């Protein structure tokens, strides 16, 4: 499958702003709003993801709240696939199932509509999972577990940024292939 060369990676990385001490002291937050605000860079990213995934066999794209929605929604529209949101608790209006996961400062949870996919077929629906960033991997790992609970196959987890030094990708890779557009060591 298609990957970016080093020059293309540098181009996209140059469009992402570092915000120091956000959300707490010592953290360098990777702000992708500056990439999204640059129409050429954003289109370049979505075109790249379109090329990568246009021939992969899947029916749905799931995006994790909230920045994952932006990437997943744009790619779903481009590939003519259905989009399914994975959200924080009490944000979805219908019956949901949930998965809890640990954070460095407590526990969080994500949810999906119980009927987000038609699982009546013998073959489970195939899904591409998208989020903006892997840090510790807790949210994405929970999302993959959530999809498995409702008998959905995650064909790949795609991230704009992988903070490799935090090793969050290690746990995710145990259950599904991973593609990171950009890796920060």
N, C-alpha and C. Protein backbone atom coordinates (compact mmCIF):
# COMPACT_ATOMS: atom_id res chain seq x y z
N UNK A 1 0.83 -1.19 0.00
CA UNK A 1 0.00 0.00 0.00
C UNK A 1 0.88 1.25 0.00
N UNK A 2 0.28 2.33 -0.39
CA UNK A 2 0.98 3.60 -0.58
C UNK A 2 1.42 4.19 0.77
N UNK A 3 2.65 4.69 0.82
CA UNK A 3 3.16 5.45 1.97
C UNK A 3 3.82 6.72 1.44
N UNK A 4 4.00 7.69 2.30
CA UNK A 4 4.64 8.94 1.90
C UNK A 4 6.16 8.81 1.92
N UNK A 5 6.82 9.59 1.07
CA UNK A 5 8.28 9.65 1.15
C UNK A 5 8.67 10.69 2.21
N UNK A 6 9.94 10.78 2.52
CA UNK A 6 10.41 11.67 3.60
C UNK A 6 10.07 13.14 3.35
N UNK A 7 10.19 13.57 2.11
CA UNK A 7 9.89 14.97 1.79
C UNK A 7 8.41 15.27 2.02
N UNK A 8 7.55 14.34 1.64
CA UNK A 8 6.11 14.53 1.85
C UNK A 8 5.77 14.52 3.34
N UNK A 9 6.43 13.65 4.09
CA UNK A 9 6.22 13.62 5.54
C UNK A 9 6.65 14.94 6.18
N UNK A 10 7.79 15.46 5.76
CA UNK A 10 8.28 16.74 6.29
C UNK A 10 7.31 17.87 5.97
N UNK A 11 6.74 17.83 4.77
CA UNK A 11 5.75 18.83 4.36
C UNK A 11 4.57 18.84 5.34
N UNK A 12 3.98 17.66 5.59
CA UNK A 12 2.84 17.59 6.50
C UNK A 12 3.23 17.93 7.93
N UNK A 13 4.36 17.41 8.38
CA UNK A 13 4.81 17.70 9.74
C UNK A 13 5.02 19.20 9.95
N UNK A 14 5.49 19.87 8.91
CA UNK A 14 5.69 21.32 8.98
C UNK A 14 4.39 22.11 9.10
N UNK A 15 3.28 21.47 8.83
CA UNK A 15 1.97 22.12 8.93
C UNK A 15 1.31 21.92 10.29
N UNK A 16 1.95 21.14 11.16
CA UNK A 16 1.41 20.85 12.49
C UNK A 16 2.14 21.71 13.52
N UNK A 17 1.35 22.38 14.34
CA UNK A 17 1.90 23.31 15.34
C UNK A 17 2.13 22.59 16.66
N UNK A 18 3.26 22.85 17.30
CA UNK A 18 3.52 22.38 18.67
C UNK A 18 3.03 23.44 19.65
N UNK A 19 2.22 23.00 20.61
CA UNK A 19 1.74 23.90 21.67
C UNK A 19 2.32 23.37 22.98
N UNK A 20 3.23 24.13 23.55
CA UNK A 20 3.91 23.71 24.78
C UNK A 20 3.02 23.88 26.00
N UNK A 21 3.16 22.94 26.93
CA UNK A 21 2.45 22.96 28.21
C UNK A 21 0.93 22.92 28.06
N UNK A 22 0.45 22.17 27.07
CA UNK A 22 -0.99 21.95 26.89
C UNK A 22 -1.24 20.46 26.75
N UNK A 23 -2.19 19.88 27.44
CA UNK A 23 -3.13 20.49 28.38
C UNK A 23 -2.58 20.67 29.78
N UNK A 24 -1.33 20.24 29.99
CA UNK A 24 -0.71 20.46 31.31
C UNK A 24 0.78 20.67 31.13
N UNK A 25 1.46 21.21 32.13
CA UNK A 25 2.89 21.49 32.01
C UNK A 25 3.70 20.25 31.62
N UNK A 26 4.65 20.46 30.71
CA UNK A 26 5.53 19.38 30.27
C UNK A 26 5.07 18.66 29.01
N UNK A 27 3.83 18.86 28.61
CA UNK A 27 3.29 18.22 27.41
C UNK A 27 3.50 19.14 26.21
N UNK A 28 3.91 18.55 25.10
CA UNK A 28 3.95 19.28 23.83
C UNK A 28 2.81 18.72 22.99
N UNK A 29 1.74 19.49 22.85
CA UNK A 29 0.53 19.08 22.13
C UNK A 29 0.74 19.28 20.64
N UNK A 30 0.43 18.26 19.87
CA UNK A 30 0.51 18.33 18.41
C UNK A 30 -0.84 18.84 17.89
N UNK A 31 -0.88 20.10 17.53
CA UNK A 31 -2.11 20.77 17.10
C UNK A 31 -2.26 20.62 15.59
N UNK A 32 -3.23 19.79 15.16
CA UNK A 32 -3.42 19.57 13.73
C UNK A 32 -4.34 20.61 13.09
N UNK A 33 -4.89 21.54 13.88
CA UNK A 33 -5.79 22.53 13.29
C UNK A 33 -5.07 23.39 12.25
N UNK A 34 -3.76 23.57 12.41
CA UNK A 34 -3.01 24.35 11.44
C UNK A 34 -2.87 23.58 10.11
N UNK A 35 -2.82 22.28 10.17
CA UNK A 35 -2.81 21.46 8.94
C UNK A 35 -4.20 21.50 8.30
N UNK A 36 -5.24 21.34 9.11
CA UNK A 36 -6.61 21.35 8.59
C UNK A 36 -6.96 22.70 7.98
N UNK A 37 -6.37 23.78 8.50
CA UNK A 37 -6.63 25.13 8.04
C UNK A 37 -5.88 25.47 6.76
N UNK A 38 -5.01 24.60 6.33
CA UNK A 38 -4.24 24.80 5.08
C UNK A 38 -4.86 23.88 4.03
N UNK A 39 -5.65 24.45 3.12
CA UNK A 39 -6.41 23.61 2.19
C UNK A 39 -5.53 22.72 1.32
N UNK A 40 -4.36 23.20 0.94
CA UNK A 40 -3.47 22.35 0.13
C UNK A 40 -2.94 21.17 0.94
N UNK A 41 -2.53 21.43 2.17
CA UNK A 41 -2.00 20.35 3.02
C UNK A 41 -3.09 19.35 3.38
N UNK A 42 -4.27 19.86 3.74
CA UNK A 42 -5.37 18.96 4.10
C UNK A 42 -5.77 18.10 2.90
N UNK A 43 -5.90 18.71 1.73
CA UNK A 43 -6.24 17.94 0.53
C UNK A 43 -5.14 16.95 0.19
N UNK A 44 -3.89 17.33 0.37
CA UNK A 44 -2.77 16.40 0.13
C UNK A 44 -2.89 15.18 1.03
N UNK A 45 -3.19 15.41 2.32
CA UNK A 45 -3.35 14.31 3.27
C UNK A 45 -4.50 13.39 2.87
N UNK A 46 -5.66 13.96 2.58
CA UNK A 46 -6.82 13.15 2.22
C UNK A 46 -6.60 12.43 0.90
N UNK A 47 -5.94 13.08 -0.05
CA UNK A 47 -5.61 12.41 -1.32
C UNK A 47 -4.67 11.23 -1.06
N UNK A 48 -3.71 11.41 -0.18
CA UNK A 48 -2.80 10.31 0.15
C UNK A 48 -3.57 9.14 0.77
N UNK A 49 -4.43 9.43 1.73
CA UNK A 49 -5.20 8.36 2.37
C UNK A 49 -6.15 7.69 1.37
N UNK A 50 -6.70 8.47 0.45
CA UNK A 50 -7.56 7.91 -0.59
C UNK A 50 -6.78 6.92 -1.44
N UNK A 51 -5.58 7.29 -1.85
CA UNK A 51 -4.74 6.38 -2.65
C UNK A 51 -4.40 5.13 -1.86
N UNK A 52 -4.11 5.29 -0.60
CA UNK A 52 -3.73 4.14 0.23
C UNK A 52 -4.89 3.16 0.39
N UNK A 53 -6.10 3.67 0.57
CA UNK A 53 -7.21 2.80 0.96
C UNK A 53 -8.23 2.51 -0.15
N UNK A 54 -8.04 3.06 -1.34
CA UNK A 54 -9.06 2.88 -2.37
C UNK A 54 -9.26 1.43 -2.79
N UNK A 55 -8.25 0.59 -2.66
CA UNK A 55 -8.42 -0.80 -3.07
C UNK A 55 -8.49 -1.78 -1.89
N UNK A 56 -8.48 -1.27 -0.67
CA UNK A 56 -8.62 -2.14 0.50
C UNK A 56 -10.10 -2.51 0.67
N UNK A 57 -10.35 -3.75 1.03
CA UNK A 57 -11.71 -4.27 1.16
C UNK A 57 -12.29 -3.92 2.53
N UNK A 58 -13.17 -2.92 2.58
CA UNK A 58 -13.90 -2.55 3.79
C UNK A 58 -15.13 -1.74 3.39
N UNK A 59 -16.11 -1.71 4.30
CA UNK A 59 -17.37 -1.01 4.01
C UNK A 59 -17.55 0.28 4.80
N UNK A 60 -16.92 0.39 5.96
CA UNK A 60 -17.16 1.51 6.86
C UNK A 60 -15.84 2.14 7.30
N UNK A 61 -15.93 3.42 7.62
CA UNK A 61 -14.83 4.11 8.27
C UNK A 61 -15.35 4.62 9.61
N UNK A 62 -14.65 4.27 10.68
CA UNK A 62 -15.00 4.78 12.00
C UNK A 62 -13.96 5.82 12.40
N UNK A 63 -14.44 6.87 13.01
CA UNK A 63 -13.55 7.91 13.51
C UNK A 63 -13.78 8.09 14.99
N UNK A 64 -12.69 8.30 15.72
CA UNK A 64 -12.77 8.49 17.17
C UNK A 64 -12.88 9.98 17.47
N UNK A 65 -13.82 10.31 18.37
CA UNK A 65 -14.06 11.70 18.75
C UNK A 65 -12.78 12.35 19.27
N UNK A 66 -12.53 13.54 18.92
CA UNK A 66 -13.23 14.37 17.98
C UNK A 66 -12.41 14.61 16.70
N UNK A 67 -11.11 14.73 16.81
CA UNK A 67 -10.33 15.02 15.61
C UNK A 67 -10.35 13.86 14.62
N UNK A 68 -10.55 12.65 15.10
CA UNK A 68 -10.68 11.51 14.19
C UNK A 68 -11.88 11.64 13.28
N UNK A 69 -12.93 12.36 13.76
CA UNK A 69 -14.12 12.58 12.93
C UNK A 69 -13.76 13.34 11.65
N UNK A 70 -12.90 14.32 11.79
CA UNK A 70 -12.56 15.18 10.65
C UNK A 70 -11.89 14.36 9.56
N UNK A 71 -10.89 13.60 9.94
CA UNK A 71 -10.16 12.79 8.96
C UNK A 71 -11.03 11.68 8.40
N UNK A 72 -11.74 10.99 9.28
CA UNK A 72 -12.57 9.86 8.85
C UNK A 72 -13.73 10.33 7.97
N UNK A 73 -14.36 11.43 8.35
CA UNK A 73 -15.48 11.95 7.56
C UNK A 73 -15.05 12.37 6.16
N UNK A 74 -13.93 13.07 6.08
CA UNK A 74 -13.43 13.50 4.77
C UNK A 74 -13.05 12.31 3.90
N UNK A 75 -12.39 11.32 4.49
CA UNK A 75 -11.99 10.14 3.73
C UNK A 75 -13.20 9.30 3.34
N UNK A 76 -14.18 9.16 4.22
CA UNK A 76 -15.39 8.40 3.89
C UNK A 76 -16.10 9.03 2.69
N UNK A 77 -16.20 10.35 2.68
CA UNK A 77 -16.84 11.03 1.55
C UNK A 77 -16.07 10.79 0.26
N UNK A 78 -14.75 10.87 0.35
CA UNK A 78 -13.91 10.70 -0.84
C UNK A 78 -13.98 9.27 -1.39
N UNK A 79 -14.05 8.28 -0.49
CA UNK A 79 -14.06 6.88 -0.90
C UNK A 79 -15.48 6.31 -1.06
N UNK A 80 -16.49 7.13 -0.84
CA UNK A 80 -17.88 6.69 -0.92
C UNK A 80 -18.15 5.53 0.04
N UNK A 81 -17.69 5.69 1.28
CA UNK A 81 -17.91 4.71 2.34
C UNK A 81 -18.79 5.33 3.41
N UNK A 82 -19.41 4.49 4.21
CA UNK A 82 -20.22 4.97 5.33
C UNK A 82 -19.31 5.37 6.49
N UNK A 83 -19.72 6.38 7.22
CA UNK A 83 -18.97 6.86 8.39
C UNK A 83 -19.72 6.51 9.66
N UNK A 84 -19.00 5.97 10.66
CA UNK A 84 -19.58 5.64 11.95
C UNK A 84 -18.75 6.30 13.04
N UNK A 85 -19.37 7.16 13.86
CA UNK A 85 -18.62 7.81 14.94
C UNK A 85 -18.48 6.94 16.18
N UNK A 86 -17.31 7.03 16.80
CA UNK A 86 -17.08 6.47 18.13
C UNK A 86 -16.92 7.68 19.03
N UNK A 87 -17.78 7.77 20.06
CA UNK A 87 -17.88 9.01 20.83
C UNK A 87 -17.64 8.82 22.31
N UNK A 88 -17.49 9.93 22.98
CA UNK A 88 -17.42 9.97 24.44
C UNK A 88 -18.81 9.63 24.99
N UNK A 89 -18.90 9.26 26.26
CA UNK A 89 -20.20 8.87 26.83
C UNK A 89 -21.28 9.95 26.74
N UNK A 90 -22.50 9.49 26.54
CA UNK A 90 -23.70 10.32 26.56
C UNK A 90 -23.76 11.34 25.43
N UNK A 91 -23.09 11.06 24.32
CA UNK A 91 -23.13 11.95 23.16
C UNK A 91 -23.97 11.36 22.03
N UNK A 92 -24.19 10.04 22.05
CA UNK A 92 -24.98 9.39 21.01
C UNK A 92 -26.42 9.23 21.49
N UNK A 93 -27.40 9.50 20.63
CA UNK A 93 -28.79 9.57 21.08
C UNK A 93 -29.52 8.23 21.21
N UNK A 94 -28.98 7.17 20.66
CA UNK A 94 -29.67 5.89 20.68
C UNK A 94 -28.94 4.93 21.62
N UNK A 95 -29.38 3.69 21.66
CA UNK A 95 -28.77 2.68 22.52
C UNK A 95 -27.32 2.45 22.11
N UNK A 96 -26.43 2.42 23.10
CA UNK A 96 -25.00 2.27 22.82
C UNK A 96 -24.41 1.11 23.61
N UNK A 97 -23.22 0.71 23.19
CA UNK A 97 -22.37 -0.14 24.01
C UNK A 97 -21.09 0.66 24.23
N UNK A 98 -20.38 0.31 25.28
CA UNK A 98 -19.22 1.12 25.63
C UNK A 98 -18.02 0.26 25.99
N UNK A 99 -16.88 0.91 26.03
CA UNK A 99 -15.62 0.28 26.45
C UNK A 99 -14.87 1.31 27.28
N UNK A 100 -14.45 0.88 28.47
CA UNK A 100 -13.65 1.75 29.34
C UNK A 100 -12.17 1.49 29.08
N UNK A 101 -11.37 2.51 29.36
CA UNK A 101 -9.92 2.38 29.22
C UNK A 101 -9.22 3.29 30.21
N UNK A 102 -8.00 2.93 30.52
CA UNK A 102 -7.22 3.68 31.51
C UNK A 102 -6.48 4.83 30.87
N UNK A 103 -6.40 5.90 31.62
CA UNK A 103 -5.58 7.06 31.29
C UNK A 103 -4.56 7.21 32.39
N UNK A 104 -3.56 8.04 32.16
CA UNK A 104 -2.56 8.25 33.22
C UNK A 104 -3.17 8.90 34.45
N UNK A 105 -4.33 9.54 34.30
CA UNK A 105 -4.95 10.25 35.40
C UNK A 105 -6.34 9.72 35.75
N UNK A 106 -6.70 8.53 35.27
CA UNK A 106 -8.01 7.98 35.60
C UNK A 106 -8.53 7.03 34.55
N UNK A 107 -9.85 7.01 34.41
CA UNK A 107 -10.51 6.11 33.47
C UNK A 107 -11.41 6.94 32.57
N UNK A 108 -11.47 6.56 31.30
CA UNK A 108 -12.37 7.20 30.35
C UNK A 108 -13.16 6.11 29.65
N UNK A 109 -14.03 6.51 28.74
CA UNK A 109 -14.92 5.56 28.10
C UNK A 109 -15.30 6.09 26.72
N UNK A 110 -15.54 5.16 25.80
CA UNK A 110 -16.06 5.51 24.48
C UNK A 110 -17.27 4.64 24.19
N UNK A 111 -18.11 5.12 23.27
CA UNK A 111 -19.35 4.42 22.95
C UNK A 111 -19.58 4.41 21.44
N UNK A 112 -20.44 3.47 21.04
CA UNK A 112 -20.88 3.37 19.66
C UNK A 112 -22.33 2.91 19.69
N UNK A 113 -23.11 3.31 18.69
CA UNK A 113 -24.48 2.81 18.61
C UNK A 113 -24.47 1.30 18.44
N UNK A 114 -25.35 0.65 19.14
CA UNK A 114 -25.41 -0.81 19.10
C UNK A 114 -25.77 -1.31 17.70
N UNK A 115 -26.47 -0.50 16.92
CA UNK A 115 -26.88 -0.90 15.57
C UNK A 115 -26.11 -0.15 14.48
N UNK A 116 -24.90 0.29 14.78
CA UNK A 116 -24.11 1.06 13.81
C UNK A 116 -23.76 0.25 12.56
N UNK A 117 -23.73 -1.06 12.70
CA UNK A 117 -23.37 -1.94 11.59
C UNK A 117 -24.40 -3.05 11.47
N UNK A 118 -24.66 -3.50 10.25
CA UNK A 118 -25.50 -4.68 10.04
C UNK A 118 -24.61 -5.90 10.23
N UNK A 119 -24.82 -6.62 11.31
CA UNK A 119 -24.00 -7.79 11.62
C UNK A 119 -24.78 -9.09 11.41
N UNK A 120 -25.85 -9.04 10.63
CA UNK A 120 -26.67 -10.23 10.42
C UNK A 120 -26.03 -11.22 9.43
N UNK A 121 -25.12 -10.76 8.64
CA UNK A 121 -24.43 -11.62 7.67
C UNK A 121 -23.43 -12.52 8.39
N UNK A 122 -23.07 -13.63 7.74
CA UNK A 122 -22.05 -14.52 8.31
C UNK A 122 -20.69 -13.85 8.33
N UNK A 123 -20.46 -12.96 7.38
CA UNK A 123 -19.18 -12.24 7.32
C UNK A 123 -19.31 -10.94 8.10
N UNK A 124 -18.41 -10.71 9.04
CA UNK A 124 -18.51 -9.46 9.82
C UNK A 124 -18.21 -8.24 8.94
N UNK A 125 -18.87 -7.13 9.22
CA UNK A 125 -18.55 -5.90 8.49
C UNK A 125 -17.06 -5.56 8.69
N UNK A 126 -16.47 -5.00 7.65
CA UNK A 126 -15.05 -4.60 7.71
C UNK A 126 -14.96 -3.09 7.82
N UNK A 127 -14.09 -2.66 8.75
CA UNK A 127 -14.00 -1.26 9.14
C UNK A 127 -12.56 -0.79 9.12
N UNK A 128 -12.37 0.45 8.67
CA UNK A 128 -11.11 1.16 8.81
C UNK A 128 -11.29 2.14 9.97
N UNK A 129 -10.43 2.06 10.97
CA UNK A 129 -10.49 2.94 12.13
C UNK A 129 -9.51 4.10 11.94
N UNK A 130 -9.96 5.32 12.20
CA UNK A 130 -9.10 6.49 12.03
C UNK A 130 -9.14 7.39 13.27
N UNK A 131 -7.97 7.85 13.66
CA UNK A 131 -7.85 8.89 14.68
C UNK A 131 -6.66 9.77 14.32
N UNK A 132 -6.55 10.89 14.99
CA UNK A 132 -5.49 11.83 14.64
C UNK A 132 -4.13 11.43 15.19
N UNK A 133 -4.10 10.77 16.38
CA UNK A 133 -2.81 10.58 17.03
C UNK A 133 -2.82 9.36 17.95
N UNK A 134 -1.71 8.63 17.95
CA UNK A 134 -1.48 7.59 18.96
C UNK A 134 -0.50 8.17 19.96
N UNK A 135 -0.90 8.20 21.22
CA UNK A 135 0.03 8.54 22.31
C UNK A 135 0.26 7.24 23.08
N UNK A 136 -0.53 7.02 24.12
CA UNK A 136 -0.38 5.78 24.89
C UNK A 136 -1.17 4.62 24.27
N UNK A 137 -2.06 4.93 23.34
CA UNK A 137 -2.81 3.90 22.63
C UNK A 137 -4.09 3.45 23.29
N UNK A 138 -4.42 4.01 24.44
CA UNK A 138 -5.59 3.57 25.19
C UNK A 138 -6.91 3.74 24.46
N UNK A 139 -7.11 4.89 23.85
CA UNK A 139 -8.37 5.15 23.16
C UNK A 139 -8.53 4.23 21.97
N UNK A 140 -7.51 4.10 21.15
CA UNK A 140 -7.61 3.25 19.96
C UNK A 140 -7.77 1.78 20.33
N UNK A 141 -7.06 1.33 21.35
CA UNK A 141 -7.21 -0.05 21.80
C UNK A 141 -8.64 -0.30 22.27
N UNK A 142 -9.20 0.65 23.00
CA UNK A 142 -10.58 0.53 23.45
C UNK A 142 -11.54 0.51 22.26
N UNK A 143 -11.27 1.33 21.25
CA UNK A 143 -12.12 1.37 20.06
C UNK A 143 -12.10 0.02 19.34
N UNK A 144 -10.95 -0.58 19.22
CA UNK A 144 -10.85 -1.89 18.56
C UNK A 144 -11.60 -2.95 19.38
N UNK A 145 -11.47 -2.92 20.70
CA UNK A 145 -12.22 -3.85 21.56
C UNK A 145 -13.72 -3.63 21.40
N UNK A 146 -14.13 -2.38 21.30
CA UNK A 146 -15.54 -2.03 21.13
C UNK A 146 -16.06 -2.62 19.81
N UNK A 147 -15.29 -2.48 18.75
CA UNK A 147 -15.69 -3.04 17.45
C UNK A 147 -15.80 -4.57 17.52
N UNK A 148 -14.87 -5.20 18.19
CA UNK A 148 -14.91 -6.66 18.34
C UNK A 148 -16.14 -7.10 19.12
N UNK A 149 -16.54 -6.31 20.12
CA UNK A 149 -17.73 -6.63 20.91
C UNK A 149 -18.97 -6.76 20.04
N UNK A 150 -19.04 -5.95 19.00
CA UNK A 150 -20.21 -5.98 18.13
C UNK A 150 -19.93 -6.74 16.83
N UNK A 151 -18.89 -7.57 16.86
CA UNK A 151 -18.57 -8.50 15.76
C UNK A 151 -18.25 -7.79 14.45
N UNK A 152 -17.38 -6.79 14.55
CA UNK A 152 -16.92 -6.03 13.40
C UNK A 152 -15.41 -6.25 13.27
N UNK A 153 -14.94 -6.41 12.04
CA UNK A 153 -13.51 -6.63 11.80
C UNK A 153 -12.83 -5.30 11.47
N UNK A 154 -11.84 -4.95 12.26
CA UNK A 154 -11.04 -3.75 11.98
C UNK A 154 -9.90 -4.17 11.06
N UNK A 155 -9.94 -3.71 9.81
CA UNK A 155 -8.93 -4.13 8.82
C UNK A 155 -7.62 -3.37 8.99
N UNK A 156 -7.69 -2.15 9.54
CA UNK A 156 -6.49 -1.38 9.83
C UNK A 156 -6.88 -0.19 10.70
N UNK A 157 -5.94 0.24 11.53
CA UNK A 157 -6.09 1.46 12.31
C UNK A 157 -5.12 2.48 11.72
N UNK A 158 -5.65 3.62 11.34
CA UNK A 158 -4.86 4.66 10.67
C UNK A 158 -4.80 5.90 11.55
N UNK A 159 -3.60 6.46 11.64
CA UNK A 159 -3.37 7.64 12.47
C UNK A 159 -2.55 8.65 11.69
N UNK A 160 -2.83 9.92 11.86
CA UNK A 160 -2.01 10.96 11.25
C UNK A 160 -0.63 10.96 11.91
N UNK A 161 -0.61 10.89 13.26
CA UNK A 161 0.65 11.00 14.01
C UNK A 161 0.77 9.83 14.98
N UNK A 162 1.94 9.24 15.04
CA UNK A 162 2.25 8.21 16.04
C UNK A 162 3.43 8.72 16.87
N UNK A 163 3.19 8.95 18.14
CA UNK A 163 4.26 9.34 19.06
C UNK A 163 4.98 8.06 19.49
N UNK A 164 5.89 7.59 18.67
CA UNK A 164 6.55 6.28 18.84
C UNK A 164 7.21 6.13 20.20
N UNK A 165 7.73 7.21 20.75
CA UNK A 165 8.45 7.13 22.03
C UNK A 165 7.53 6.74 23.20
N UNK A 166 6.21 6.88 23.01
CA UNK A 166 5.27 6.48 24.06
C UNK A 166 4.83 5.02 23.92
N UNK A 167 5.15 4.40 22.79
CA UNK A 167 4.90 2.98 22.53
C UNK A 167 3.44 2.58 22.60
N UNK A 168 2.53 3.51 22.34
CA UNK A 168 1.11 3.18 22.32
C UNK A 168 0.72 2.27 21.18
N UNK A 169 1.51 2.28 20.13
CA UNK A 169 1.21 1.44 18.97
C UNK A 169 1.44 -0.04 19.24
N UNK A 170 2.24 -0.37 20.23
CA UNK A 170 2.58 -1.76 20.52
C UNK A 170 1.33 -2.57 20.87
N UNK A 171 0.50 -2.02 21.74
CA UNK A 171 -0.73 -2.73 22.15
C UNK A 171 -1.71 -2.82 20.99
N UNK A 172 -1.86 -1.75 20.23
CA UNK A 172 -2.80 -1.74 19.10
C UNK A 172 -2.40 -2.79 18.07
N UNK A 173 -1.11 -2.89 17.80
CA UNK A 173 -0.61 -3.82 16.79
C UNK A 173 -0.87 -5.28 17.14
N UNK A 174 -1.18 -5.58 18.39
CA UNK A 174 -1.51 -6.95 18.78
C UNK A 174 -2.85 -7.40 18.21
N UNK A 175 -3.71 -6.43 17.86
CA UNK A 175 -5.04 -6.80 17.41
C UNK A 175 -5.39 -6.35 15.99
N UNK A 176 -4.63 -5.41 15.43
CA UNK A 176 -4.94 -4.96 14.07
C UNK A 176 -3.71 -4.30 13.45
N UNK A 177 -3.59 -4.35 12.13
CA UNK A 177 -2.50 -3.62 11.48
C UNK A 177 -2.65 -2.12 11.71
N UNK A 178 -1.51 -1.42 11.73
CA UNK A 178 -1.49 0.02 11.98
C UNK A 178 -0.78 0.72 10.81
N UNK A 179 -1.32 1.86 10.44
CA UNK A 179 -0.61 2.75 9.52
C UNK A 179 -0.59 4.13 10.15
N UNK A 180 0.59 4.69 10.28
CA UNK A 180 0.76 6.07 10.75
C UNK A 180 1.37 6.88 9.64
N UNK A 181 0.71 7.95 9.26
CA UNK A 181 1.23 8.82 8.21
C UNK A 181 2.56 9.41 8.66
N UNK A 182 2.59 9.90 9.91
CA UNK A 182 3.79 10.52 10.46
C UNK A 182 4.18 9.82 11.77
N UNK A 183 5.45 9.60 11.95
CA UNK A 183 5.94 9.00 13.18
C UNK A 183 6.95 9.94 13.83
N UNK A 184 6.76 10.19 15.11
CA UNK A 184 7.66 11.06 15.86
C UNK A 184 8.36 10.20 16.90
N UNK A 185 9.69 10.15 16.81
CA UNK A 185 10.49 9.29 17.69
C UNK A 185 11.02 10.06 18.88
